[in-house]
Protein backbone atom coordinates (compact mmCIF):
# COMPACT_ATOMS: atom_id res chain seq x y z
CA MET A 1 32.26 7.84 20.88
CA LYS A 2 36.08 7.14 20.22
CA LYS A 3 36.12 6.06 24.08
CA LEU A 4 33.15 3.70 23.96
CA ILE A 5 34.66 2.07 21.22
CA GLY A 6 37.75 1.55 23.00
CA PHE A 7 35.96 0.42 25.93
CA LEU A 8 34.11 -1.97 24.00
CA VAL A 9 36.88 -3.63 22.44
CA ILE A 10 39.14 -3.50 25.30
CA MET A 11 36.16 -5.80 27.09
CA ILE A 12 36.05 -7.95 24.33
CA ALA A 13 39.93 -8.52 24.48
CA PHE A 14 39.35 -9.63 28.10
CA SER A 15 36.20 -11.65 27.36
CA THR A 16 35.47 -14.84 29.34
CA PHE A 17 32.79 -17.55 28.33
CA SER A 18 29.20 -17.39 29.91
CA GLN A 19 26.11 -19.08 28.31
CA THR A 20 23.92 -15.63 26.92
CA SER A 21 20.69 -16.25 24.80
CA SER A 22 17.71 -14.47 23.16
CA ILE A 23 14.30 -15.11 24.23
CA ALA A 24 11.12 -14.47 22.13
CA LEU A 25 8.81 -12.25 23.59
CA ASN A 26 5.09 -13.38 22.68
CA THR A 27 2.93 -13.82 25.33
CA TYR A 28 2.90 -17.54 25.35
CA PHE A 29 6.90 -17.56 26.07
CA ARG A 30 6.67 -14.89 28.99
CA ASP A 31 3.53 -16.50 30.75
CA PHE A 32 6.04 -19.69 30.90
CA SER A 33 9.21 -17.69 32.02
CA LEU A 34 7.78 -16.12 34.53
CA LYS A 35 6.17 -19.34 36.16
CA PRO A 36 7.57 -19.74 39.85
CA ILE A 37 8.95 -23.41 39.30
CA VAL A 38 10.43 -23.05 35.85
CA LEU A 39 11.15 -26.69 34.14
CA SER A 40 14.24 -26.96 32.62
CA SER A 41 12.56 -28.16 29.39
CA GLN A 42 11.66 -24.43 28.82
CA PRO A 43 9.60 -24.28 25.01
CA PHE A 44 11.96 -21.48 24.16
CA MET A 45 15.08 -22.70 25.38
CA PRO A 46 16.24 -25.55 22.57
CA LYS A 47 18.65 -28.39 23.69
CA VAL A 48 22.08 -27.56 23.16
CA VAL A 49 23.68 -30.52 21.48
CA LEU A 50 27.72 -30.26 21.10
CA LYS A 51 29.29 -31.76 18.51
CA ASN A 52 32.76 -32.64 17.14
CA THR A 53 32.20 -31.13 13.72
CA ALA A 54 29.58 -28.38 12.58
CA LYS A 55 26.10 -30.02 10.85
CA ILE A 56 22.67 -29.85 10.47
CA THR A 57 21.13 -32.24 13.40
CA VAL A 58 17.24 -33.06 12.58
CA ASN A 59 17.03 -35.44 15.67
CA ASP A 60 18.84 -36.50 18.93
CA ASN A 61 20.99 -39.92 19.23
CA SER A 62 18.30 -42.33 19.24
CA ASP A 63 17.45 -45.70 17.76
CA ASN A 64 14.66 -44.03 15.53
CA GLU A 65 17.21 -41.48 13.70
CA SER A 66 16.91 -43.63 10.63
CA LYS A 67 13.14 -43.03 10.66
CA ILE A 68 12.34 -40.73 7.90
CA GLY A 69 8.60 -40.60 10.26
CA SER A 70 10.93 -39.48 13.00
CA ARG A 71 12.82 -37.20 11.30
CA ILE A 72 9.81 -35.01 9.75
CA LYS A 73 8.14 -34.92 13.27
CA LYS A 74 11.58 -33.79 14.67
CA HIS A 75 11.78 -31.05 11.96
CA PHE A 76 8.29 -30.04 12.28
CA CYS A 77 7.24 -30.63 15.66
CA ASP A 78 10.15 -30.33 18.18
CA GLN A 79 13.00 -28.58 16.82
CA TYR A 80 13.74 -25.03 14.73
CA LEU A 81 12.93 -26.57 11.15
CA PHE A 82 17.14 -26.34 11.13
CA GLU A 83 19.59 -25.96 13.59
CA VAL A 84 23.65 -26.27 13.11
CA HIS A 85 25.75 -27.28 16.27
CA ASP A 86 29.40 -27.25 16.57
CA GLU A 87 31.50 -26.61 19.97
CA ARG A 88 31.18 -23.02 20.16
CA VAL A 89 28.52 -22.13 17.61
CA HIS A 90 24.76 -23.13 17.91
CA LEU A 91 22.51 -21.52 15.24
CA TYR A 92 18.23 -21.81 14.61
CA PHE A 93 16.50 -20.96 11.76
CA SER A 94 12.24 -21.06 11.44
CA PRO A 95 10.15 -19.81 8.97
CA ILE A 96 7.44 -17.35 9.92
CA ILE A 97 4.17 -17.50 8.90
CA ASN A 98 0.75 -16.36 9.75
CA PHE A 99 -2.19 -17.41 7.51
CA GLN A 100 -5.38 -16.63 8.46
CA ILE A 101 -8.93 -15.66 7.33
CA GLY A 102 -12.22 -14.17 9.40
CA GLN A 103 -15.04 -12.29 9.03
CA ASN A 104 -17.32 -10.20 11.30
CA TRP A 105 -20.12 -12.68 11.79
CA LEU A 106 -22.54 -9.58 12.29
CA ASP A 107 -21.83 -8.10 9.29
CA ASN A 108 -22.90 -10.07 6.44
CA GLU A 109 -21.94 -7.54 3.61
CA GLY A 110 -18.46 -6.99 4.97
CA SER A 111 -15.04 -8.12 3.54
CA THR A 112 -13.39 -10.99 4.53
CA LEU A 113 -10.55 -10.23 7.08
CA TYR A 114 -7.42 -12.11 6.16
CA GLN A 115 -3.60 -11.95 7.60
CA ASN A 116 -0.91 -12.59 5.39
CA THR A 117 2.51 -13.02 6.90
CA ARG A 118 6.11 -14.22 5.66
CA GLY A 119 9.29 -14.56 7.09
CA ILE A 120 12.25 -16.11 8.41
CA TYR A 121 13.47 -15.88 11.90
CA VAL A 122 17.36 -16.48 12.98
CA LYS A 123 18.89 -17.10 16.53
CA GLY A 124 22.65 -18.42 17.45
CA THR A 125 24.84 -18.40 20.18
CA LEU A 126 28.69 -17.81 19.54
CA LEU A 127 31.60 -18.41 21.48
CA ARG A 128 28.98 -18.76 24.63
CA ASN A 129 29.15 -15.48 25.64
CA PHE A 130 27.56 -13.97 22.39
CA SER A 131 23.94 -14.34 21.21
CA PHE A 132 21.96 -12.80 18.48
CA SER A 133 18.33 -13.07 16.80
CA THR A 134 17.14 -11.48 14.13
CA ALA A 135 13.99 -11.15 12.12
CA PHE A 136 12.48 -10.38 8.42
CA VAL A 137 8.59 -10.10 8.13
CA GLU A 138 6.41 -9.06 5.12
CA ASN A 139 2.64 -8.48 6.12
CA GLN A 140 -0.49 -7.97 3.90
CA ALA A 141 -3.96 -8.10 5.68
CA ARG A 142 -7.32 -6.78 6.32
CA PHE A 143 -8.47 -5.74 9.68
CA SER A 144 -11.96 -5.39 11.18
CA ASP A 145 -13.47 -2.14 11.80
CA TYR A 146 -12.46 -0.80 15.14
CA GLU A 147 -8.79 -2.08 14.14
CA ASN A 148 -8.81 -0.23 10.70
CA TYR A 149 -9.93 3.18 13.00
CA PHE A 150 -6.82 2.68 15.61
CA ILE A 151 -4.41 2.14 12.61
CA SER A 152 -5.59 4.94 10.38
CA ASN A 153 -5.75 7.29 13.55
CA HIS A 154 -1.71 6.57 14.35
CA GLY A 155 -0.81 7.41 10.64
CA GLU A 156 1.83 9.92 9.73
CA PHE A 157 1.79 13.36 9.43
CA TYR A 158 2.00 15.89 6.66
CA PRO A 159 3.06 19.15 7.68
CA ASN A 160 1.71 21.96 4.91
CA ALA A 161 -0.96 24.69 4.40
CA SER A 162 -3.51 22.19 5.99
CA THR A 163 -1.84 19.32 8.16
CA ILE A 164 -2.91 16.09 6.76
CA GLN A 165 -2.76 12.30 8.23
CA GLN A 166 -2.06 9.44 5.63
CA ASN A 167 -1.27 5.54 5.99
CA GLY A 168 -1.49 3.95 9.12
CA VAL A 169 0.54 2.09 12.00
CA VAL A 170 -0.07 -1.35 12.91
CA PRO A 171 1.20 -1.87 16.67
CA GLY A 172 4.28 -4.13 16.75
CA GLY A 173 4.30 -4.05 12.90
CA GLY A 174 4.92 -0.39 11.57
CA ARG A 175 3.99 2.03 8.99
CA THR A 176 1.56 0.72 6.34
CA LYS A 177 0.57 1.43 2.71
CA PRO A 178 -2.75 1.22 1.17
CA PHE A 179 -2.76 -2.66 -0.13
CA LYS A 180 -5.81 -3.61 -2.83
CA GLU A 181 -9.29 -3.37 -1.31
CA GLU A 182 -9.36 -2.25 2.55
CA GLY A 183 -6.01 -3.76 3.23
CA TYR A 184 -2.71 -2.80 4.16
CA ASP A 185 0.76 -3.82 3.39
CA TYR A 186 3.59 -3.68 6.20
CA GLY A 187 6.72 -5.01 7.15
CA TYR A 188 9.41 -5.11 9.53
CA ALA A 189 13.40 -6.46 10.39
CA ILE A 190 14.06 -7.11 13.83
CA GLY A 191 17.82 -7.84 14.99
CA SER A 192 19.55 -7.61 18.75
CA PHE A 193 22.75 -9.23 19.62
CA LEU A 194 23.65 -10.03 23.68
CA TYR A 195 27.05 -9.73 25.08
CA LYS A 196 28.78 -10.45 28.07
CA PRO A 197 32.48 -10.10 27.92
CA ILE A 198 32.67 -10.70 32.07
CA LYS A 199 30.17 -12.49 34.26
CA ASN A 200 28.47 -9.02 35.68
CA LEU A 201 28.12 -7.15 32.41
CA GLU A 202 25.61 -7.44 29.52
CA ILE A 203 25.51 -5.14 26.64
CA ARG A 204 22.61 -5.38 24.10
CA ALA A 205 22.19 -3.21 21.05
CA GLY A 206 19.57 -3.81 18.07
CA ASN A 207 15.89 -2.75 17.70
CA ALA A 208 14.05 -5.77 18.87
CA PRO A 209 11.18 -4.77 21.41
CA THR A 210 11.42 -4.44 24.80
CA PHE A 211 8.96 -5.65 28.15
CA VAL A 212 9.21 -4.70 31.61
CA GLY A 213 7.44 -5.97 33.98
CA SER A 214 5.31 -9.20 35.11
CA GLY A 215 2.32 -8.49 33.42
CA TYR A 216 -0.19 -8.89 30.52
CA ARG A 217 0.51 -4.91 29.77
CA SER A 218 3.42 -2.87 31.18
CA LEU A 219 3.14 0.63 32.08
CA ILE A 220 6.48 1.39 31.67
CA LEU A 221 8.00 -0.10 28.55
CA SER A 222 6.32 -2.52 26.33
CA ASP A 223 6.24 -4.50 22.97
CA ASN A 224 3.33 -2.31 21.72
CA SER A 225 4.91 0.20 19.83
CA TYR A 226 7.23 -0.43 16.67
CA GLN A 227 10.76 -1.52 16.92
CA ALA A 228 13.28 1.25 18.56
CA PRO A 229 17.17 1.30 17.63
CA SER A 230 18.91 1.08 21.21
CA ILE A 231 21.94 0.11 22.99
CA ASP A 232 21.59 -1.72 26.79
CA ILE A 233 24.38 -1.80 29.46
CA LYS A 234 23.62 -3.66 32.31
CA TYR A 235 26.02 -3.94 35.32
CA THR A 236 25.29 -6.42 38.16
CA PHE A 237 26.82 -6.06 41.69
CA LEU A 238 26.90 -7.05 45.19
CA LYS A 239 25.18 -10.27 43.56
CA LYS A 240 21.65 -8.89 44.45
CA TRP A 241 22.00 -5.56 42.58
CA SER A 242 22.08 -4.47 39.06
CA TYR A 243 22.12 -1.20 37.40
CA GLY A 244 21.44 -0.38 33.69
CA VAL A 245 21.23 2.34 31.23
CA ARG A 246 19.44 2.02 28.27
CA LYS A 247 19.93 4.81 25.18
CA ALA A 248 17.25 4.77 22.09
CA ARG A 249 16.31 6.61 19.27
CA GLY A 250 12.40 7.25 19.01
CA LEU A 251 10.59 8.76 15.83
CA ASN A 252 7.37 11.25 15.79
CA LEU A 253 5.62 10.44 12.42
CA ILE A 254 5.75 13.76 11.12
CA ARG A 255 7.59 14.32 7.83
CA LYS A 256 9.72 16.95 8.22
CA THR A 257 9.23 20.23 5.90
CA ALA A 258 12.70 21.08 4.93
CA PHE A 259 14.49 18.00 3.34
CA SER A 260 17.02 17.42 0.72
CA THR A 261 15.73 13.52 -0.05
CA VAL A 262 13.24 12.32 -1.93
CA GLU A 263 10.60 12.04 0.88
CA GLY A 264 10.89 14.08 4.09
CA TYR A 265 12.40 12.29 7.03
CA TYR A 266 10.73 11.78 10.07
CA GLN A 267 11.10 13.99 13.45
CA PRO A 268 13.68 12.27 16.05
CA LYS A 269 13.83 12.47 19.67
CA ALA A 270 15.63 10.34 22.04
CA LEU A 271 14.91 7.98 24.73
CA SER A 272 17.05 7.84 27.92
CA ARG A 273 16.36 5.00 30.57
CA HIS A 274 18.12 4.32 33.61
CA TYR A 275 17.38 1.78 36.09
CA LEU A 276 18.11 0.15 39.36
CA ASN A 277 17.16 -3.39 40.65
CA PHE A 278 17.38 -5.57 43.53
CA ASP A 279 16.57 -9.05 44.34
CA ILE A 280 15.42 -8.93 47.74
CA ASN A 281 15.78 -12.75 47.68
CA SER A 282 14.86 -15.34 45.40
CA LYS A 283 11.49 -14.72 45.41
CA ILE A 284 10.97 -10.90 45.74
CA THR A 285 12.35 -8.20 43.47
CA LEU A 286 12.28 -4.70 43.23
CA GLY A 287 13.03 -2.09 40.29
CA LEU A 288 13.08 1.48 39.91
CA SER A 289 13.40 3.62 36.86
CA GLU A 290 13.88 7.00 35.20
CA ASN A 291 12.56 6.89 31.42
CA SER A 292 13.01 10.58 29.85
CA PHE A 293 12.24 11.60 26.20
CA TRP A 294 14.95 14.41 24.90
CA SER A 295 14.15 16.70 21.95
CA MET A 296 16.32 16.26 18.80
CA GLY A 297 15.23 19.51 17.28
CA ASP A 298 12.00 20.16 14.89
CA THR A 299 13.39 20.66 11.36
CA VAL A 300 16.77 19.01 11.16
CA THR A 301 18.20 16.24 12.45
CA THR A 302 20.27 17.29 15.44
CA ARG A 303 22.15 15.92 19.06
CA PRO A 304 20.76 15.81 21.90
CA ASN A 305 22.16 17.92 24.62
CA GLY A 306 25.54 16.74 25.89
CA LEU A 307 23.93 15.53 29.00
CA TYR A 308 21.44 12.79 27.43
CA TYR A 309 24.87 10.48 27.05
CA ALA A 310 25.69 10.38 30.81
CA PRO A 311 24.74 7.25 32.61
CA ILE A 312 23.51 9.18 35.20
CA PRO A 313 20.00 9.68 36.36
CA PHE A 314 17.86 12.66 36.95
CA LEU A 315 20.09 14.98 34.19
CA GLY A 316 17.28 15.64 32.42
CA LEU A 317 15.58 17.29 34.66
CA SER A 318 18.08 20.31 33.46
CA GLN A 319 15.97 20.27 30.26
CA SER A 320 12.85 22.45 29.91
CA THR A 321 11.55 20.10 26.99
CA ASN A 322 12.00 17.02 28.24
CA HIS A 323 9.03 14.61 29.52
CA THR A 324 10.07 11.72 32.18
CA ILE A 325 8.40 8.85 33.46
CA TYR A 326 9.46 7.40 37.12
CA GLY A 327 8.44 3.96 37.51
CA VAL A 328 8.46 1.46 40.19
CA ASP A 329 8.21 -2.44 39.12
CA ALA A 330 7.75 -5.43 41.77
CA SER A 331 7.32 -9.01 41.76
CA GLU A 332 6.73 -11.34 44.73
CA ILE A 333 6.34 -15.26 44.55
CA VAL A 334 4.17 -16.98 47.11
CA GLY A 335 4.44 -20.53 47.61
CA SER A 336 5.05 -22.72 44.27
CA LYS A 337 2.27 -21.63 42.03
CA THR A 338 1.61 -17.91 42.91
CA ARG A 339 3.35 -14.60 41.52
CA PHE A 340 2.19 -11.23 42.45
CA TYR A 341 2.91 -8.13 40.79
CA GLN A 342 2.64 -4.46 40.86
CA GLN A 343 4.00 -1.22 38.91
CA PHE A 344 3.69 2.26 39.88
CA VAL A 345 4.24 5.72 37.59
CA ILE A 346 4.37 9.08 38.00
CA SER A 347 5.46 11.93 35.50
CA GLY A 348 4.44 15.00 38.21
CA PHE A 349 2.35 15.55 41.17
CA SER A 350 -1.23 15.51 40.04
CA VAL A 351 -3.57 12.59 40.25
CA GLU A 352 -3.80 12.73 36.67
CA GLN A 353 0.39 12.08 36.03
CA ILE A 354 -0.19 8.90 37.85
CA GLY A 355 -0.70 5.69 36.96
CA PHE A 356 -0.60 1.76 38.74
CA GLN A 357 -0.96 -1.77 37.97
CA PHE A 358 -1.91 -4.75 40.62
CA GLY A 359 -1.55 -8.46 39.01
CA VAL A 360 -1.80 -12.00 40.36
CA ARG A 361 -0.68 -14.96 38.49
CA PHE A 362 -1.90 -18.70 39.53
CA TYR A 363 -0.18 -21.49 37.63
CA ASP A 364 -1.37 -25.29 37.80
CA LEU A 365 -4.71 -24.55 39.75
CA LEU A 366 -5.44 -27.20 36.76
CA PRO A 367 -2.39 -29.45 35.38
CA ASN A 368 -0.88 -27.12 32.70
CA SER A 369 -2.89 -24.18 33.26
CA MET A 370 -2.48 -20.46 34.35
CA LEU A 371 -4.75 -17.84 35.51
CA GLN A 372 -4.05 -14.12 35.48
CA LEU A 373 -5.93 -11.57 37.00
CA GLU A 374 -4.44 -7.40 36.25
CA TYR A 375 -5.99 -4.05 37.24
CA ASN A 376 -4.59 -1.22 35.38
CA LYS A 377 -5.57 2.43 35.96
CA VAL A 378 -3.82 5.31 33.97
CA GLY A 379 -4.21 9.16 34.60
CA GLY A 380 -5.51 11.36 31.65
CA GLU A 381 -2.18 13.30 31.53
CA LEU A 382 0.35 10.77 32.59
CA TYR A 383 2.10 10.12 29.28
CA ALA A 384 1.26 13.67 27.70
CA ALA A 385 3.90 16.10 27.53
CA ASP A 386 3.28 19.86 27.38
CA SER A 387 5.00 19.71 23.92
CA PRO A 388 2.95 16.90 22.04
CA ASN A 389 6.18 15.86 19.85
CA MET A 390 7.83 14.96 23.19
CA SER A 391 4.73 12.72 24.48
CA TYR A 392 5.56 9.30 25.87
CA THR A 393 5.45 7.83 22.31
CA HIS A 394 7.43 6.07 19.45
CA TYR A 395 5.89 5.71 15.26
CA ASN A 396 2.78 7.64 17.00
CA LEU A 397 2.16 4.63 19.17
CA PRO A 398 2.29 4.36 23.11
CA LEU A 399 5.36 3.53 24.39
CA ALA A 400 3.81 1.86 27.33
CA HIS A 401 -0.06 0.77 27.20
CA PRO A 402 -1.92 0.38 23.83
CA LYS A 403 -4.56 2.21 25.32
CA GLY A 404 -2.61 5.34 25.94
CA GLN A 405 -3.69 7.38 29.13
CA GLY A 406 -6.97 8.37 30.64
CA PHE A 407 -8.53 4.60 31.34
CA ASN A 408 -9.28 1.71 34.10
CA GLU A 409 -8.77 -1.35 32.90
CA LEU A 410 -9.61 -5.04 33.94
CA VAL A 411 -7.46 -8.13 32.12
CA ILE A 412 -8.71 -11.58 33.19
CA ARG A 413 -6.73 -14.47 31.21
CA ALA A 414 -7.12 -17.72 31.50
CA ASN A 415 -5.45 -20.81 29.63
CA VAL A 416 -4.89 -24.92 29.86
CA SER A 417 -3.29 -27.34 27.82
CA ILE A 418 -3.62 -31.08 27.47
CA LYS A 419 -0.91 -32.29 25.62
CA ARG A 420 -0.28 -29.93 22.14
CA VAL A 421 -4.17 -29.31 22.58
CA TYR A 422 -4.53 -25.65 24.15
CA GLY A 423 -7.36 -23.45 25.08
CA GLU A 424 -7.26 -19.60 25.82
CA SER A 425 -9.74 -17.18 27.34
CA LYS A 426 -9.32 -13.30 27.58
CA THR A 427 -11.37 -10.51 28.94
CA VAL A 428 -10.48 -6.63 28.85
CA CYS A 429 -12.73 -4.26 30.15
CA TYR A 430 -12.17 -0.31 29.79
CA TRP A 431 -14.08 1.87 31.72
CA LEU A 432 -13.01 5.82 29.77
CA LYS A 433 -13.55 8.43 31.49
CA ASN A 434 -13.18 12.19 29.12
CA TYR A 435 -10.76 10.01 27.30
CA ASN A 436 -9.07 10.60 23.84
CA GLU A 437 -7.37 8.73 21.46
CA ARG A 438 -5.25 10.98 19.69
CA ASP A 439 -3.98 12.60 23.31
CA LEU A 440 -0.55 11.70 22.78
CA LEU A 441 -0.14 11.96 18.76
CA PRO A 442 2.93 14.01 18.16
CA MET A 443 0.64 17.02 16.68
CA ASP A 444 -2.15 19.11 17.66
CA ASN A 445 -5.50 17.61 17.09
CA GLU A 446 -9.36 18.69 17.77
CA SER A 447 -10.97 15.40 18.59
CA ASN A 448 -13.62 15.30 21.32
CA ALA A 449 -13.05 13.44 24.20
CA ILE A 450 -15.29 10.69 24.90
CA ASP A 451 -17.17 8.60 27.93
CA ASP A 452 -17.13 4.78 27.07
CA ARG A 453 -17.20 1.10 28.19
CA ILE A 454 -15.53 -1.80 26.22
CA ILE A 455 -15.42 -5.52 26.82
CA HIS A 456 -13.29 -7.37 24.82
CA GLN A 457 -13.67 -10.78 25.17
CA GLN A 458 -11.63 -13.58 23.03
CA PHE A 459 -11.73 -17.44 23.12
CA GLU A 460 -8.98 -19.42 21.01
CA LEU A 461 -8.91 -23.29 20.89
CA GLY A 462 -6.04 -24.50 18.91
CA TYR A 463 -2.86 -27.24 18.25
CA ARG A 464 0.54 -26.27 19.51
CA ILE A 465 2.55 -27.97 16.37
CA ASN A 466 5.91 -27.01 17.81
CA PRO A 467 5.75 -25.12 21.16
CA LYS A 468 9.33 -24.53 20.35
CA ILE A 469 8.53 -22.23 17.96
CA ASN A 470 4.91 -21.50 18.99
CA PHE A 471 3.68 -22.72 15.83
CA CYS A 472 -0.23 -23.25 15.97
CA PHE A 473 -3.29 -24.43 14.34
CA PHE A 474 -6.24 -22.17 15.45
CA GLY A 475 -9.43 -21.09 15.73
CA ARG A 476 -10.55 -17.77 17.34
CA THR A 477 -13.62 -15.38 18.17
CA ILE A 478 -13.82 -11.84 19.81
CA LEU A 479 -16.65 -10.60 20.96
CA ARG A 480 -16.21 -6.85 21.31
CA ILE A 481 -19.00 -4.58 22.97
CA SER A 482 -18.68 -1.06 23.10
CA ASP A 483 -21.21 1.77 24.09
CA ASN A 484 -20.26 4.31 21.34
CA ASP A 485 -19.63 1.65 18.11
CA PRO A 486 -21.49 -1.49 16.87
CA THR A 487 -21.13 -4.63 18.61
CA GLN A 488 -18.81 -7.09 16.38
CA ILE A 489 -18.51 -10.36 16.53
CA LEU A 490 -14.94 -11.45 14.90
CA LEU A 491 -14.21 -15.62 13.71
CA HIS A 492 -10.71 -16.46 12.62
CA ILE A 493 -8.99 -19.45 11.43
CA GLY A 494 -5.26 -19.71 10.94
CA LEU A 495 -1.91 -21.26 10.78
CA SER A 496 0.85 -19.36 12.65
CA THR A 497 4.20 -18.85 14.12
CA ASN A 498 3.74 -16.72 16.99
CA LEU A 499 7.00 -15.76 18.26
CA PHE A 500 5.96 -11.58 18.73
CA ASN A 501 3.22 -9.98 20.21
CA SER A 502 0.72 -7.60 18.01
CA TYR A 503 -1.97 -6.54 20.31
CA ASN A 504 -5.19 -5.52 19.20
CA ASP A 505 -7.30 -5.11 22.32
CA TYR A 506 -7.13 -1.79 22.49
C-alpha cells in the first residue's frame, strides 16, 4: 500500500494537463454517446466557458443576457442550475428530483403508486486533468406488485436458528426500510473522481456505477446493482491497445453472527477485474476481460489472498473458492447510422455456463431517432458459484443482467424527438425455462424453479425541459403480461431528473 501511495504521489508531481470529464450513465446519455457520428453538442458535455475570474454564469455572451426571461430559460432549460467557471476550475450543480404518481389500472382497490426523490448532483473539472462527480439522493416510494416481489426477495439475511430475510433492495437504489403503508424508504450516495496524470494513464476511484458494453443490457458488468467502492487504473499503449485493472469491494447482505457493534456487519467479498481492449480501427473495437470474486471470510472481515492485489490475470485460478467470469465484448460501426455489438460470457465448459448477446442500433431512420434490437441468452448456471456466497452479485443483486441467469430475452427499443418533445417505446420479452429468481442469493433457498413467458411493454411520452440533465415531464404506461402472474397495466405521470438508471423491467 505504501508503494502504491508513493507511486500516485510521483505521478501527481509529473502530471500534465489533459481534459477529463465524467458522464452520467442514464440510458438517454448512453444512447447518444454510442451514435456512430456524435455531434459536438452532446447533451451531457456542457460548453466550457473560460473566464479570468470565477463567477456564476447563467448565460452566454449575448445581447439578451440582461433579460430576465432569457436568464431563467438558460438556468432551467439549457444549463445546470448553477455553473462556476474559472481558468482551471469548472463546477456544475443540479438538483435531482423524481416526483411521480401512478396506479395499476386493473386494480381499482389497489394503493396509489408514487416516487418521491430529492437530491443534489455536483460535477466538475480541476486543473484540466482531474474531474469528479457526486450525488446524494433520498427516496420514498410505493411500487407495483411485481416490483415489490423482486425487491423483497433480494432483502438482507439475518442468520440465526431459523434464517430470516428482511427489508428489500431496489436496483440501483440500495437497501430499503419500511415507509408508511406498503412503502419503502431508501437513499444512496455516489461519488467518483477521474485523474489523468499523463496522457496514457487514467486513475478512477469511488463508487459510481459502471457499465461494460454497447447494449441496453450488459452480461459482463452493469449499473443494475448497488454502488460498490472501487479503484480502476487503465493504461493505453501502442495507440490502439489499453489494459486496465479494477479492484472493488462487494457485499453479501448477510448479517455476521459475530460482531461488537450495534448491528452485525455484512459479509464482504472482493472483485478483481482485468481487461484488455483493442481498437482494430476507428470503427471496430474488441475487449477481453476476466472478472473474479475472491473470498474475504464468512464470520470476520479478512483480506483476500495476497495474489488478489497483483495486476495480473488468471491468478484467481489458484483459489478454489473463487468464481470467475470471462467476457468478450465487441462493437462494429457500419456506415454512419448503424452500430452492431456482441458479448460472449463463459464461466465453465458447460452450455449452462455460457451467455451471449447480439444487438444492433440504427440511428436517424427518422430525424433524431434510434431503433435498437437486442437478443440475450444466459445459461442457468453462468453466474452461480459452487458456494452461494461467492456468486456474481453485489448487495444481493445480480452484477450483470437484472434477471440473473437462465433466460432468453428480446429487447426492442425505439425513441424519437421533435425538438424537446420525445416519445419512447420499450418491449422486453422473456422466455424462462426451469428458472429460479433466487438462484444467485448468497444463502441456500428452497424456492421452486418455474417456466414462464413475460412481456414488458412500456410507452413514454414527455417533454425534455433540460436536455443537459435529462430533466423531463412525462407520462408513462407499462403493460406487463406473465403466464404465472396477473396482468398489470401501470399508469404514471411525473417530473424527473433522469441522471442514473433504475431498472424495473426484470
